[in-house]
């Protein structure tokens, strides 16, 4: 099972996300490690998204290959998600819906429509 990456609309249309881990490296730098379904999809995302802005004039993406061969997601949380594990994630967290929950919302909680 994989999902289109939900954490960035920029990535959504390009590739299927298998796992994602996000973290803040500093107060002004937010990073995400994304494992795609295939190396070709990762290359496609890199070629099409590097140095592009998420919003007009800001939030410029700096994309580079990782030195890691695979991500390891221990728990499905607000900061990490394994889309290959159904209903609950690696440690049985509730509610693997195929989307990384929005910031501030518990995994498996209802998402308001709209």
PDB file of N, CA and C in Angstrom:
ATOM      1  N   UNK A   1       0.849  -1.174   0.000  1.00  0.00           N
ATOM      2  CA  UNK A   1       0.000   0.000   0.000  1.00  0.00           C
ATOM      3  C   UNK A   1       0.892   1.234   0.000  1.00  0.00           C
ATOM      4  N   UNK A   2       0.607   2.175  -0.839  1.00  0.00           N
ATOM      5  CA  UNK A   2       1.332   3.437  -0.850  1.00  0.00           C
ATOM      6  C   UNK A   2       0.327   4.545  -1.051  1.00  0.00           C
ATOM      7  N   UNK A   3       0.783   5.747  -0.842  1.00  0.00           N
ATOM      8  CA  UNK A   3      -0.125   6.875  -0.960  1.00  0.00           C
ATOM      9  C   UNK A   3       0.577   8.014  -1.648  1.00  0.00           C
ATOM     10  N   UNK A   4      -0.208   8.831  -2.298  1.00  0.00           N
ATOM     11  CA  UNK A   4       0.363  10.066  -2.810  1.00  0.00           C
ATOM     12  C   UNK A   4       0.736  10.893  -1.594  1.00  0.00           C
ATOM     13  N   UNK A   5       1.903  11.476  -1.635  1.00  0.00           N
ATOM     14  CA  UNK A   5       2.374  12.237  -0.486  1.00  0.00           C
ATOM     15  C   UNK A   5       1.414  13.364  -0.169  1.00  0.00           C
ATOM     16  N   UNK A   6       0.887  13.350   1.029  1.00  0.00           N
ATOM     17  CA  UNK A   6      -0.129  14.319   1.414  1.00  0.00           C
ATOM     18  C   UNK A   6       0.461  15.562   2.048  1.00  0.00           C
ATOM     19  N   UNK A   7       1.723  15.487   2.470  1.00  0.00           N
ATOM     20  CA  UNK A   7       2.275  16.622   3.193  1.00  0.00           C
ATOM     21  C   UNK A   7       2.675  17.775   2.289  1.00  0.00           C
ATOM     22  N   UNK A   8       2.767  17.541   1.016  1.00  0.00           N
ATOM     23  CA  UNK A   8       3.129  18.611   0.093  1.00  0.00           C
ATOM     24  C   UNK A   8       2.368  18.440  -1.207  1.00  0.00           C
ATOM     25  N   UNK A   9       1.553  19.423  -1.539  1.00  0.00           N
ATOM     26  CA  UNK A   9       0.825  19.362  -2.801  1.00  0.00           C
ATOM     27  C   UNK A   9       1.779  19.305  -3.982  1.00  0.00           C
ATOM     28  N   UNK A  10       3.000  19.825  -3.813  1.00  0.00           N
ATOM     29  CA  UNK A  10       3.977  19.805  -4.888  1.00  0.00           C
ATOM     30  C   UNK A  10       4.366  18.382  -5.251  1.00  0.00           C
ATOM     31  N   UNK A  11       4.466  17.514  -4.265  1.00  0.00           N
ATOM     32  CA  UNK A  11       4.893  16.145  -4.491  1.00  0.00           C
ATOM     33  C   UNK A  11       3.727  15.282  -4.955  1.00  0.00           C
ATOM     34  N   UNK A  12       2.528  15.616  -4.543  1.00  0.00           N
ATOM     35  CA  UNK A  12       1.346  14.790  -4.785  1.00  0.00           C
ATOM     36  C   UNK A  12       1.189  14.360  -6.222  1.00  0.00           C
ATOM     37  N   UNK A  13       1.376  15.251  -7.151  1.00  0.00           N
ATOM     38  CA  UNK A  13       1.112  14.925  -8.550  1.00  0.00           C
ATOM     39  C   UNK A  13       2.269  14.198  -9.220  1.00  0.00           C
ATOM     40  N   UNK A  14       3.387  14.043  -8.536  1.00  0.00           N
ATOM     41  CA  UNK A  14       4.564  13.494  -9.189  1.00  0.00           C
ATOM     42  C   UNK A  14       4.868  12.038  -8.879  1.00  0.00           C
ATOM     43  N   UNK A  15       4.624  11.589  -7.661  1.00  0.00           N
ATOM     44  CA  UNK A  15       5.107  10.272  -7.286  1.00  0.00           C
ATOM     45  C   UNK A  15       4.327   9.701  -6.116  1.00  0.00           C
ATOM     46  N   UNK A  16       4.424   8.385  -5.974  1.00  0.00           N
ATOM     47  CA  UNK A  16       3.800   7.716  -4.843  1.00  0.00           C
ATOM     48  C   UNK A  16       4.794   7.628  -3.696  1.00  0.00           C
ATOM     49  N   UNK A  17       4.346   8.051  -2.547  1.00  0.00           N
ATOM     50  CA  UNK A  17       5.154   8.068  -1.342  1.00  0.00           C
ATOM     51  C   UNK A  17       4.961   6.748  -0.598  1.00  0.00           C
ATOM     52  N   UNK A  18       6.055   6.131  -0.169  1.00  0.00           N
ATOM     53  CA  UNK A  18       5.984   4.890   0.591  1.00  0.00           C
ATOM     54  C   UNK A  18       6.128   5.180   2.076  1.00  0.00           C
ATOM     55  N   UNK A  19       7.092   6.021   2.428  1.00  0.00           N
ATOM     56  CA  UNK A  19       7.314   6.416   3.817  1.00  0.00           C
ATOM     57  C   UNK A  19       7.758   7.870   3.847  1.00  0.00           C
ATOM     58  N   UNK A  20       7.446   8.532   4.959  1.00  0.00           N
ATOM     59  CA  UNK A  20       7.871   9.921   5.137  1.00  0.00           C
ATOM     60  C   UNK A  20       8.229  10.145   6.599  1.00  0.00           C
ATOM     61  N   UNK A  21       9.313  10.884   6.813  1.00  0.00           N
ATOM     62  CA  UNK A  21       9.739  11.291   8.148  1.00  0.00           C
ATOM     63  C   UNK A  21      10.041  12.778   8.067  1.00  0.00           C
ATOM     64  N   UNK A  22       9.455  13.569   8.962  1.00  0.00           N
ATOM     65  CA  UNK A  22       9.677  15.015   8.962  1.00  0.00           C
ATOM     66  C   UNK A  22      10.295  15.444  10.284  1.00  0.00           C
ATOM     67  N   UNK A  23      11.059  16.539  10.243  1.00  0.00           N
ATOM     68  CA  UNK A  23      11.680  17.060  11.461  1.00  0.00           C
ATOM     69  C   UNK A  23      12.139  18.489  11.215  1.00  0.00           C
ATOM     70  N   UNK A  24      12.339  19.231  12.309  1.00  0.00           N
ATOM     71  CA  UNK A  24      12.873  20.594  12.232  1.00  0.00           C
ATOM     72  C   UNK A  24      14.345  20.533  12.574  1.00  0.00           C
ATOM     73  N   UNK A  25      15.155  21.046  11.679  1.00  0.00           N
ATOM     74  CA  UNK A  25      16.589  21.080  11.927  1.00  0.00           C
ATOM     75  C   UNK A  25      16.969  22.350  12.693  1.00  0.00           C
ATOM     76  N   UNK A  26      16.177  23.387  12.515  1.00  0.00           N
ATOM     77  CA  UNK A  26      16.344  24.649  13.231  1.00  0.00           C
ATOM     78  C   UNK A  26      14.987  25.348  13.185  1.00  0.00           C
ATOM     79  N   UNK A  27      14.838  26.474  13.899  1.00  0.00           N
ATOM     80  CA  UNK A  27      13.539  27.164  13.861  1.00  0.00           C
ATOM     81  C   UNK A  27      13.121  27.621  12.465  1.00  0.00           C
ATOM     82  N   UNK A  28      14.073  27.765  11.556  1.00  0.00           N
ATOM     83  CA  UNK A  28      13.734  28.244  10.211  1.00  0.00           C
ATOM     84  C   UNK A  28      13.878  27.170   9.129  1.00  0.00           C
ATOM     85  N   UNK A  29      14.250  25.948   9.519  1.00  0.00           N
ATOM     86  CA  UNK A  29      14.451  24.896   8.518  1.00  0.00           C
ATOM     87  C   UNK A  29      13.661  23.638   8.887  1.00  0.00           C
ATOM     88  N   UNK A  30      12.713  23.299   8.026  1.00  0.00           N
ATOM     89  CA  UNK A  30      11.891  22.101   8.194  1.00  0.00           C
ATOM     90  C   UNK A  30      12.317  21.106   7.128  1.00  0.00           C
ATOM     91  N   UNK A  31      12.573  19.868   7.522  1.00  0.00           N
ATOM     92  CA  UNK A  31      13.040  18.874   6.565  1.00  0.00           C
ATOM     93  C   UNK A  31      12.114  17.671   6.529  1.00  0.00           C
ATOM     94  N   UNK A  32      12.110  17.003   5.393  1.00  0.00           N
ATOM     95  CA  UNK A  32      11.353  15.766   5.230  1.00  0.00           C
ATOM     96  C   UNK A  32      12.199  14.778   4.446  1.00  0.00           C
ATOM     97  N   UNK A  33      12.236  13.561   4.930  1.00  0.00           N
ATOM     98  CA  UNK A  33      12.821  12.462   4.177  1.00  0.00           C
ATOM     99  C   UNK A  33      11.652  11.686   3.599  1.00  0.00           C
ATOM    100  N   UNK A  34      11.657  11.490   2.298  1.00  0.00           N
ATOM    101  CA  UNK A  34      10.549  10.810   1.630  1.00  0.00           C
ATOM    102  C   UNK A  34      11.110   9.639   0.839  1.00  0.00           C
ATOM    103  N   UNK A  35      10.562   8.461   1.096  1.00  0.00           N
ATOM    104  CA  UNK A  35      10.917   7.293   0.291  1.00  0.00           C
ATOM    105  C   UNK A  35       9.805   7.080  -0.717  1.00  0.00           C
ATOM    106  N   UNK A  36      10.175   7.105  -1.985  1.00  0.00           N
ATOM    107  CA  UNK A  36       9.204   6.919  -3.053  1.00  0.00           C
ATOM    108  C   UNK A  36       9.092   5.444  -3.408  1.00  0.00           C
ATOM    109  N   UNK A  37       8.092   5.126  -4.196  1.00  0.00           N
ATOM    110  CA  UNK A  37       7.839   3.746  -4.582  1.00  0.00           C
ATOM    111  C   UNK A  37       8.967   3.177  -5.450  1.00  0.00           C
ATOM    112  N   UNK A  38       9.634   4.032  -6.209  1.00  0.00           N
ATOM    113  CA  UNK A  38      10.722   3.551  -7.068  1.00  0.00           C
ATOM    114  C   UNK A  38      11.788   4.637  -7.198  1.00  0.00           C
ATOM    115  N   UNK A  39      13.027   4.240  -7.529  1.00  0.00           N
ATOM    116  CA  UNK A  39      14.077   5.230  -7.774  1.00  0.00           C
ATOM    117  C   UNK A  39      13.716   6.191  -8.910  1.00  0.00           C
ATOM    118  N   UNK A  40      13.013   5.703  -9.931  1.00  0.00           N
ATOM    119  CA  UNK A  40      12.604   6.584 -11.031  1.00  0.00           C
ATOM    120  C   UNK A  40      11.675   7.688 -10.541  1.00  0.00           C
ATOM    121  N   UNK A  41      10.741   7.359  -9.649  1.00  0.00           N
ATOM    122  CA  UNK A  41       9.845   8.382  -9.104  1.00  0.00           C
ATOM    123  C   UNK A  41      10.624   9.388  -8.267  1.00  0.00           C
ATOM    124  N   UNK A  42      11.613   8.921  -7.520  1.00  0.00           N
ATOM    125  CA  UNK A  42      12.441   9.830  -6.723  1.00  0.00           C
ATOM    126  C   UNK A  42      13.212  10.783  -7.637  1.00  0.00           C
ATOM    127  N   UNK A  43      13.796  10.257  -8.708  1.00  0.00           N
ATOM    128  CA  UNK A  43      14.516  11.110  -9.666  1.00  0.00           C
ATOM    129  C   UNK A  43      13.575  12.119 -10.320  1.00  0.00           C
ATOM    130  N   UNK A  44      12.373  11.677 -10.661  1.00  0.00           N
ATOM    131  CA  UNK A  44      11.380  12.560 -11.279  1.00  0.00           C
ATOM    132  C   UNK A  44      11.015  13.709 -10.327  1.00  0.00           C
ATOM    133  N   UNK A  45      10.794  13.392  -9.056  1.00  0.00           N
ATOM    134  CA  UNK A  45      10.483  14.431  -8.067  1.00  0.00           C
ATOM    135  C   UNK A  45      11.657  15.393  -7.919  1.00  0.00           C
ATOM    136  N   UNK A  46      12.866  14.868  -7.854  1.00  0.00           N
ATOM    137  CA  UNK A  46      14.058  15.706  -7.732  1.00  0.00           C
ATOM    138  C   UNK A  46      14.188  16.654  -8.917  1.00  0.00           C
ATOM    139  N   UNK A  47      14.055  16.137 -10.119  1.00  0.00           N
ATOM    140  CA  UNK A  47      14.211  16.964 -11.324  1.00  0.00           C
ATOM    141  C   UNK A  47      13.125  18.034 -11.435  1.00  0.00           C
ATOM    142  N   UNK A  48      11.926  17.739 -10.974  1.00  0.00           N
ATOM    143  CA  UNK A  48      10.810  18.659 -11.160  1.00  0.00           C
ATOM    144  C   UNK A  48      10.545  19.592  -9.985  1.00  0.00           C
ATOM    145  N   UNK A  49      11.110  19.304  -8.830  1.00  0.00           N
ATOM    146  CA  UNK A  49      10.783  20.117  -7.654  1.00  0.00           C
ATOM    147  C   UNK A  49      11.947  20.900  -7.068  1.00  0.00           C
ATOM    148  N   UNK A  50      13.182  20.513  -7.339  1.00  0.00           N
ATOM    149  CA  UNK A  50      14.325  21.209  -6.746  1.00  0.00           C
ATOM    150  C   UNK A  50      14.307  22.690  -7.132  1.00  0.00           C
ATOM    151  N   UNK A  51      14.461  23.548  -6.149  1.00  0.00           N
ATOM    152  CA  UNK A  51      14.493  25.013  -6.298  1.00  0.00           C
ATOM    153  C   UNK A  51      13.149  25.625  -6.681  1.00  0.00           C
ATOM    154  N   UNK A  52      12.067  24.884  -6.550  1.00  0.00           N
ATOM    155  CA  UNK A  52      10.727  25.438  -6.802  1.00  0.00           C
ATOM    156  C   UNK A  52      10.132  25.897  -5.485  1.00  0.00           C
ATOM    157  N   UNK A  53       9.224  26.853  -5.567  1.00  0.00           N
ATOM    158  CA  UNK A  53       8.560  27.384  -4.375  1.00  0.00           C
ATOM    159  C   UNK A  53       7.260  26.640  -4.108  1.00  0.00           C
ATOM    160  N   UNK A  54       6.981  26.401  -2.832  1.00  0.00           N
ATOM    161  CA  UNK A  54       5.694  25.823  -2.453  1.00  0.00           C
ATOM    162  C   UNK A  54       4.614  26.887  -2.622  1.00  0.00           C
ATOM    163  N   UNK A  55       4.913  28.103  -2.182  1.00  0.00           N
ATOM    164  CA  UNK A  55       4.013  29.248  -2.337  1.00  0.00           C
ATOM    165  C   UNK A  55       4.738  30.292  -3.175  1.00  0.00           C
ATOM    166  N   UNK A  56       4.002  31.185  -3.828  1.00  0.00           N
ATOM    167  CA  UNK A  56       4.622  32.217  -4.656  1.00  0.00           C
ATOM    168  C   UNK A  56       5.679  32.981  -3.872  1.00  0.00           C
ATOM    169  N   UNK A  57       6.916  32.896  -4.330  1.00  0.00           N
ATOM    170  CA  UNK A  57       7.999  33.682  -3.770  1.00  0.00           C
ATOM    171  C   UNK A  57       8.552  33.216  -2.442  1.00  0.00           C
ATOM    172  N   UNK A  58       8.109  32.075  -1.922  1.00  0.00           N
ATOM    173  CA  UNK A  58       8.650  31.636  -0.629  1.00  0.00           C
ATOM    174  C   UNK A  58       8.562  30.119  -0.484  1.00  0.00           C
ATOM    175  N   UNK A  59       9.168  29.633   0.580  1.00  0.00           N
ATOM    176  CA  UNK A  59       9.222  28.202   0.875  1.00  0.00           C
ATOM    177  C   UNK A  59       9.828  27.422  -0.289  1.00  0.00           C
ATOM    178  N   UNK A  60      11.049  27.810  -0.642  1.00  0.00           N
ATOM    179  CA  UNK A  60      11.752  27.167  -1.745  1.00  0.00           C
ATOM    180  C   UNK A  60      12.226  25.777  -1.333  1.00  0.00           C
ATOM    181  N   UNK A  61      11.919  24.792  -2.161  1.00  0.00           N
ATOM    182  CA  UNK A  61      12.324  23.417  -1.892  1.00  0.00           C
ATOM    183  C   UNK A  61      13.783  23.212  -2.285  1.00  0.00           C
ATOM    184  N   UNK A  62      14.551  22.636  -1.398  1.00  0.00           N
ATOM    185  CA  UNK A  62      15.924  22.235  -1.680  1.00  0.00           C
ATOM    186  C   UNK A  62      15.941  20.717  -1.580  1.00  0.00           C
ATOM    187  N   UNK A  63      15.986  20.046  -2.704  1.00  0.00           N
ATOM    188  CA  UNK A  63      15.849  18.593  -2.735  1.00  0.00           C
ATOM    189  C   UNK A  63      17.169  17.964  -3.140  1.00  0.00           C
ATOM    190  N   UNK A  64      17.541  16.929  -2.410  1.00  0.00           N
ATOM    191  CA  UNK A  64      18.748  16.181  -2.733  1.00  0.00           C
ATOM    192  C   UNK A  64      18.545  14.722  -2.349  1.00  0.00           C
ATOM    193  N   UNK A  65      19.265  13.830  -3.003  1.00  0.00           N
ATOM    194  CA  UNK A  65      19.155  12.418  -2.645  1.00  0.00           C
ATOM    195  C   UNK A  65      19.688  12.188  -1.231  1.00  0.00           C
ATOM    196  N   UNK A  66      19.109  11.235  -0.562  1.00  0.00           N
ATOM    197  CA  UNK A  66      19.557  10.868   0.778  1.00  0.00           C
ATOM    198  C   UNK A  66      20.670   9.833   0.681  1.00  0.00           C
ATOM    199  N   UNK A  67      21.470   9.771   1.720  1.00  0.00           N
ATOM    200  CA  UNK A  67      22.476   8.710   1.791  1.00  0.00           C
ATOM    201  C   UNK A  67      21.865   7.414   2.316  1.00  0.00           C
ATOM    202  N   UNK A  68      20.638   7.491   2.830  1.00  0.00           N
ATOM    203  CA  UNK A  68      19.950   6.297   3.335  1.00  0.00           C
ATOM    204  C   UNK A  68      19.380   5.486   2.176  1.00  0.00           C
ATOM    205  N   UNK A  69      19.469   4.181   2.265  1.00  0.00           N
ATOM    206  CA  UNK A  69      18.844   3.321   1.260  1.00  0.00           C
ATOM    207  C   UNK A  69      17.354   3.183   1.508  1.00  0.00           C
ATOM    208  N   UNK A  70      16.959   3.143   2.783  1.00  0.00           N
ATOM    209  CA  UNK A  70      15.551   3.015   3.148  1.00  0.00           C
ATOM    210  C   UNK A  70      15.283   3.782   4.425  1.00  0.00           C
ATOM    211  N   UNK A  71      14.070   4.315   4.527  1.00  0.00           N
ATOM    212  CA  UNK A  71      13.630   4.933   5.771  1.00  0.00           C
ATOM    213  C   UNK A  71      13.101   3.851   6.695  1.00  0.00           C
ATOM    214  N   UNK A  72      13.204   4.101   7.997  1.00  0.00           N
ATOM    215  CA  UNK A  72      12.615   3.211   8.992  1.00  0.00           C
ATOM    216  C   UNK A  72      11.649   4.044   9.813  1.00  0.00           C
ATOM    217  N   UNK A  73      10.375   3.720   9.725  1.00  0.00           N
ATOM    218  CA  UNK A  73       9.348   4.404  10.502  1.00  0.00           C
ATOM    219  C   UNK A  73       8.922   3.454  11.609  1.00  0.00           C
ATOM    220  N   UNK A  74       9.179   3.850  12.859  1.00  0.00           N
ATOM    221  CA  UNK A  74       8.834   2.988  13.991  1.00  0.00           C
ATOM    222  C   UNK A  74       7.379   3.146  14.401  1.00  0.00           C
ATOM    223  N   UNK A  75       6.832   4.340  14.257  1.00  0.00           N
ATOM    224  CA  UNK A  75       5.449   4.627  14.632  1.00  0.00           C
ATOM    225  C   UNK A  75       4.831   5.576  13.618  1.00  0.00           C
ATOM    226  N   UNK A  76       3.567   5.392  13.316  1.00  0.00           N
ATOM    227  CA  UNK A  76       2.844   6.372  12.511  1.00  0.00           C
ATOM    228  C   UNK A  76       2.433   7.503  13.444  1.00  0.00           C
ATOM    229  N   UNK A  77       2.997   8.677  13.206  1.00  0.00           N
ATOM    230  CA  UNK A  77       2.739   9.847  14.043  1.00  0.00           C
ATOM    231  C   UNK A  77       2.534  11.057  13.144  1.00  0.00           C
ATOM    232  N   UNK A  78       2.421  12.218  13.769  1.00  0.00           N
ATOM    233  CA  UNK A  78       2.295  13.461  13.015  1.00  0.00           C
ATOM    234  C   UNK A  78       3.567  13.780  12.247  1.00  0.00           C
ATOM    235  N   UNK A  79       4.684  13.196  12.633  1.00  0.00           N
ATOM    236  CA  UNK A  79       5.952  13.507  11.985  1.00  0.00           C
ATOM    237  C   UNK A  79       6.509  12.375  11.129  1.00  0.00           C
ATOM    238  N   UNK A  80       5.889  11.213  11.181  1.00  0.00           N
ATOM    239  CA  UNK A  80       6.362  10.104  10.352  1.00  0.00           C
ATOM    240  C   UNK A  80       5.197   9.189  10.006  1.00  0.00           C
ATOM    241  N   UNK A  81       5.284   8.561   8.835  1.00  0.00           N
ATOM    242  CA  UNK A  81       4.186   7.690   8.406  1.00  0.00           C
ATOM    243  C   UNK A  81       4.725   6.632   7.456  1.00  0.00           C
ATOM    244  N   UNK A  82       4.300   5.396   7.672  1.00  0.00           N
ATOM    245  CA  UNK A  82       4.642   4.281   6.799  1.00  0.00           C
ATOM    246  C   UNK A  82       3.374   3.867   6.063  1.00  0.00           C
ATOM    247  N   UNK A  83       3.325   4.153   4.764  1.00  0.00           N
ATOM    248  CA  UNK A  83       2.139   3.858   3.964  1.00  0.00           C
ATOM    249  C   UNK A  83       2.079   2.398   3.518  1.00  0.00           C
ATOM    250  N   UNK A  84       3.128   1.621   3.815  1.00  0.00           N
ATOM    251  CA  UNK A  84       3.149   0.218   3.402  1.00  0.00           C
ATOM    252  C   UNK A  84       2.476  -0.694   4.414  1.00  0.00           C
ATOM    253  N   UNK A  85       2.176  -0.182   5.599  1.00  0.00           N
ATOM    254  CA  UNK A  85       1.566  -0.974   6.657  1.00  0.00           C
ATOM    255  C   UNK A  85       0.118  -0.549   6.807  1.00  0.00           C
ATOM    256  N   UNK A  86      -0.794  -1.502   6.720  1.00  0.00           N
ATOM    257  CA  UNK A  86      -2.220  -1.184   6.806  1.00  0.00           C
ATOM    258  C   UNK A  86      -2.669  -1.057   8.255  1.00  0.00           C
ATOM    259  N   UNK A  87      -3.709  -0.292   8.448  1.00  0.00           N
ATOM    260  CA  UNK A  87      -4.440  -0.079   9.702  1.00  0.00           C
ATOM    261  C   UNK A  87      -3.575  -0.065  10.940  1.00  0.00           C
ATOM    262  N   UNK A  88      -2.842   0.985  11.097  1.00  0.00           N
ATOM    263  CA  UNK A  88      -2.194   1.190  12.365  1.00  0.00           C
ATOM    264  C   UNK A  88      -0.709   1.432  12.316  1.00  0.00           C
ATOM    265  N   UNK A  89      -0.048   1.060  11.273  1.00  0.00           N
ATOM    266  CA  UNK A  89       1.365   1.342  11.194  1.00  0.00           C
ATOM    267  C   UNK A  89       2.209   0.310  11.901  1.00  0.00           C
ATOM    268  N   UNK A  90       3.510   0.533  11.879  1.00  0.00           N
ATOM    269  CA  UNK A  90       4.458  -0.450  12.381  1.00  0.00           C
ATOM    270  C   UNK A  90       4.224  -0.867  13.823  1.00  0.00           C
ATOM    271  N   UNK A  91       3.797   0.062  14.683  1.00  0.00           N
ATOM    272  CA  UNK A  91       3.615  -0.315  16.087  1.00  0.00           C
ATOM    273  C   UNK A  91       2.155  -0.370  16.482  1.00  0.00           C
ATOM    274  N   UNK A  92       1.260  -0.366  15.518  1.00  0.00           N
ATOM    275  CA  UNK A  92      -0.156  -0.470  15.837  1.00  0.00           C
ATOM    276  C   UNK A  92      -0.827   0.844  16.141  1.00  0.00           C
ATOM    277  N   UNK A  93      -0.229   1.969  15.729  1.00  0.00           N
ATOM    278  CA  UNK A  93      -0.880   3.265  15.914  1.00  0.00           C
ATOM    279  C   UNK A  93      -2.216   3.256  15.206  1.00  0.00           C
ATOM    280  N   UNK A  94      -3.181   3.936  15.744  1.00  0.00           N
ATOM    281  CA  UNK A  94      -4.534   3.918  15.180  1.00  0.00           C
ATOM    282  C   UNK A  94      -4.615   4.697  13.882  1.00  0.00           C
ATOM    283  N   UNK A  95      -5.361   4.156  12.944  1.00  0.00           N
ATOM    284  CA  UNK A  95      -5.862   4.925  11.817  1.00  0.00           C
ATOM    285  C   UNK A  95      -4.956   5.230  10.668  1.00  0.00           C
ATOM    286  N   UNK A  96      -4.288   4.277  10.073  1.00  0.00           N
ATOM    287  CA  UNK A  96      -3.521   4.551   8.867  1.00  0.00           C
ATOM    288  C   UNK A  96      -4.484   4.767   7.721  1.00  0.00           C
ATOM    289  N   UNK A  97      -4.662   6.001   7.339  1.00  0.00           N
ATOM    290  CA  UNK A  97      -5.641   6.331   6.309  1.00  0.00           C
ATOM    291  C   UNK A  97      -5.007   6.559   4.958  1.00  0.00           C
ATOM    292  N   UNK A  98      -3.685   6.548   4.888  1.00  0.00           N
ATOM    293  CA  UNK A  98      -3.015   6.836   3.633  1.00  0.00           C
ATOM    294  C   UNK A  98      -2.574   8.279   3.538  1.00  0.00           C
ATOM    295  N   UNK A  99      -2.889   9.093   4.531  1.00  0.00           N
ATOM    296  CA  UNK A  99      -2.469  10.487   4.555  1.00  0.00           C
ATOM    297  C   UNK A  99      -1.783  10.784   5.870  1.00  0.00           C
ATOM    298  N   UNK A 100      -0.708  11.547   5.813  1.00  0.00           N
ATOM    299  CA  UNK A 100      -0.067  12.019   7.020  1.00  0.00           C
ATOM    300  C   UNK A 100      -1.025  12.988   7.679  1.00  0.00           C
ATOM    301  N   UNK A 101      -1.334  12.808   8.958  1.00  0.00           N
ATOM    302  CA  UNK A 101      -2.293  13.708   9.608  1.00  0.00           C
ATOM    303  C   UNK A 101      -1.795  15.146   9.565  1.00  0.00           C
ATOM    304  N   UNK A 102      -2.712  16.116   9.548  1.00  0.00           N
ATOM    305  CA  UNK A 102      -2.294  17.506   9.577  1.00  0.00           C
ATOM    306  C   UNK A 102      -1.611  17.829  10.899  1.00  0.00           C
ATOM    307  N   UNK A 103      -0.724  18.833  10.919  1.00  0.00           N
ATOM    308  CA  UNK A 103      -0.056  19.215  12.155  1.00  0.00           C
ATOM    309  C   UNK A 103      -1.066  19.521  13.253  1.00  0.00           C
ATOM    310  N   UNK A 104      -0.770  19.049  14.451  1.00  0.00           N
ATOM    311  CA  UNK A 104      -1.634  19.320  15.595  1.00  0.00           C
ATOM    312  C   UNK A 104      -2.805  18.375  15.727  1.00  0.00           C
ATOM    313  N   UNK A 105      -2.950  17.426  14.816  1.00  0.00           N
ATOM    314  CA  UNK A 105      -4.070  16.489  14.883  1.00  0.00           C
ATOM    315  C   UNK A 105      -3.541  15.087  15.119  1.00  0.00           C
ATOM    316  N   UNK A 106      -4.156  14.375  16.036  1.00  0.00           N
ATOM    317  CA  UNK A 106      -3.738  13.018  16.349  1.00  0.00           C
ATOM    318  C   UNK A 106      -4.018  12.088  15.176  1.00  0.00           C
ATOM    319  N   UNK A 107      -3.125  11.135  14.926  1.00  0.00           N
ATOM    320  CA  UNK A 107      -3.388  10.159  13.873  1.00  0.00           C
ATOM    321  C   UNK A 107      -4.708   9.441  14.129  1.00  0.00           C
ATOM    322  N   UNK A 108      -5.485   9.249  13.086  1.00  0.00           N
ATOM    323  CA  UNK A 108      -6.753   8.549  13.202  1.00  0.00           C
ATOM    324  C   UNK A 108      -7.912   9.425  13.599  1.00  0.00           C
ATOM    325  N   UNK A 109      -7.655  10.696  13.965  1.00  0.00           N
ATOM    326  CA  UNK A 109      -8.744  11.602  14.341  1.00  0.00           C
ATOM    327  C   UNK A 109      -9.500  12.025  13.089  1.00  0.00           C
ATOM    328  N   UNK A 110     -10.756  12.338  13.254  1.00  0.00           N
ATOM    329  CA  UNK A 110     -11.587  12.757  12.117  1.00  0.00           C
ATOM    330  C   UNK A 110     -11.080  14.072  11.551  1.00  0.00           C
ATOM    331  N   UNK A 111     -11.027  14.159  10.247  1.00  0.00           N
ATOM    332  CA  UNK A 111     -10.599  15.379   9.561  1.00  0.00           C
ATOM    333  C   UNK A 111     -11.841  16.118   9.098  1.00  0.00           C
ATOM    334  N   UNK A 112     -11.984  17.404   9.481  1.00  0.00           N
ATOM    335  CA  UNK A 112     -13.159  18.161   9.045  1.00  0.00           C
ATOM    336  C   UNK A 112     -13.224  18.260   7.528  1.00  0.00           C
ATOM    337  N   UNK A 113     -14.410  18.169   6.974  1.00  0.00           N
ATOM    338  CA  UNK A 113     -14.598  18.285   5.523  1.00  0.00           C
ATOM    339  C   UNK A 113     -14.371  19.716   5.078  1.00  0.00           C
ATOM    340  N   UNK A 114     -13.882  19.849   3.819  1.00  0.00           N
ATOM    341  CA  UNK A 114     -13.760  21.180   3.252  1.00  0.00           C
ATOM    342  C   UNK A 114     -12.377  21.589   3.168  1.00  0.00           C
TER     343      UNK A 114
END
